[in-house]
Amino acid sequence: MITLLTILIALVCILLMAAVLIQNPKGGGVDSTFGGSATNQMLGAARSTDFIEKATWYLAAMLLVLCIITSLMVGSAGGEAPLLTQ
């Protein structure tokens, strides 16, 4: 189960990085490099910007929840960590 959660966290991280890089704040960004102008023509500039911004927030929330759940599962399954001997 922890492996599945770790894979989900990695997937959400990759999607979150992509969503952040696609955003176009104040005229910059990678949006136009990957065909962002075609997306703006198809969906409209306001719609695509709103969608990307909402996707970023949802992915960030999912990452937070997945990390907390994984941390709780690892903490309860592993018990206390043994002390390091010198």
Protein backbone atom coordinates (compact mmCIF):
# COMPACT_ATOMS: atom_id res chain seq x y z
CA MET A 1 0.00 0.00 0.00
CA ILE A 2 2.85 2.35 0.80
CA THR A 3 4.37 1.61 -2.61
CA LEU A 4 1.11 2.61 -4.31
CA LEU A 5 0.97 5.84 -2.33
CA THR A 6 4.58 6.61 -3.22
CA ILE A 7 3.85 6.08 -6.92
CA LEU A 8 0.79 8.35 -6.64
CA ILE A 9 2.89 11.03 -4.93
CA ALA A 10 5.48 10.85 -7.72
CA LEU A 11 2.77 11.11 -10.39
CA VAL A 12 1.13 14.09 -8.68
CA CYS A 13 4.55 15.77 -8.35
CA ILE A 14 5.22 15.41 -12.07
CA LEU A 15 1.77 16.75 -12.97
CA LEU A 16 2.20 19.64 -10.53
CA MET A 17 5.56 20.56 -12.06
CA ALA A 18 3.99 20.53 -15.52
CA ALA A 19 1.06 22.68 -14.37
CA VAL A 20 3.38 25.24 -12.80
CA LEU A 21 5.61 25.40 -15.87
CA ILE A 22 2.65 25.78 -18.25
CA GLN A 23 1.30 28.80 -16.39
CA ASN A 24 1.93 32.12 -18.05
CA PRO A 25 2.40 34.81 -15.40
CA LYS A 26 2.99 38.34 -16.73
CA GLY A 27 4.01 37.36 -20.25
CA GLY A 28 6.59 34.68 -19.44
CA GLY A 29 6.44 30.94 -19.01
CA VAL A 30 6.77 27.86 -21.11
CA ASP A 31 3.17 27.96 -22.32
CA SER A 32 3.94 29.24 -25.82
CA THR A 33 6.83 26.80 -26.29
CA PHE A 34 4.58 23.75 -26.01
CA GLY A 35 1.76 25.01 -28.19
CA GLY A 36 0.08 27.24 -25.63
CA SER A 37 -1.10 29.65 -28.31
CA ALA A 38 -3.12 26.87 -29.97
CA THR A 39 -4.67 26.02 -26.61
CA ASN A 40 -5.62 29.64 -26.05
CA GLN A 41 -7.27 29.76 -29.48
CA MET A 42 -9.17 26.55 -28.85
CA LEU A 43 -10.30 27.12 -25.26
CA GLY A 44 -9.93 30.88 -25.00
CA ALA A 45 -7.28 32.63 -22.90
CA ALA A 46 -9.39 33.08 -19.78
CA ARG A 47 -10.70 29.50 -19.72
CA SER A 48 -7.31 27.84 -20.12
CA THR A 49 -5.75 30.11 -17.48
CA ASP A 50 -8.54 29.34 -15.02
CA PHE A 51 -8.27 25.61 -15.71
CA ILE A 52 -4.49 25.54 -15.22
CA GLU A 53 -4.73 27.58 -12.02
CA LYS A 54 -7.44 25.33 -10.58
CA ALA A 55 -5.51 22.22 -11.60
CA THR A 56 -2.44 23.57 -9.80
CA TRP A 57 -4.37 24.11 -6.57
CA TYR A 58 -6.05 20.69 -6.75
CA LEU A 59 -2.74 18.93 -7.42
CA ALA A 60 -1.08 20.78 -4.53
CA ALA A 61 -3.92 19.76 -2.21
CA MET A 62 -3.71 16.15 -3.40
CA LEU A 63 0.04 16.14 -2.79
CA LEU A 64 -0.46 17.44 0.75
CA VAL A 65 -3.12 14.84 1.56
CA LEU A 66 -1.13 11.97 0.04
CA CYS A 67 2.00 12.95 1.96
CA ILE A 68 0.09 13.12 5.25
CA ILE A 69 -1.59 9.76 4.66
CA THR A 70 1.72 8.15 3.70
CA SER A 71 3.42 9.63 6.74
CA LEU A 72 0.72 8.30 9.06
CA MET A 73 0.86 4.85 7.48
CA VAL A 74 4.65 4.64 7.68
CA GLY A 75 4.61 5.91 11.26
CA SER A 76 2.01 3.42 12.42
CA ALA A 77 3.49 0.47 10.50
CA GLY A 78 7.10 1.02 11.46
CA GLY A 79 6.69 1.82 15.12
CA GLU A 80 9.54 3.66 16.74
CA ALA A 81 12.85 3.90 14.94
CA PRO A 82 15.74 2.20 16.73
CA LEU A 83 18.44 4.43 18.14
CA LEU A 84 21.64 4.56 16.16
CA THR A 85 24.59 2.97 17.93
CA GLN A 86 27.98 4.56 17.79
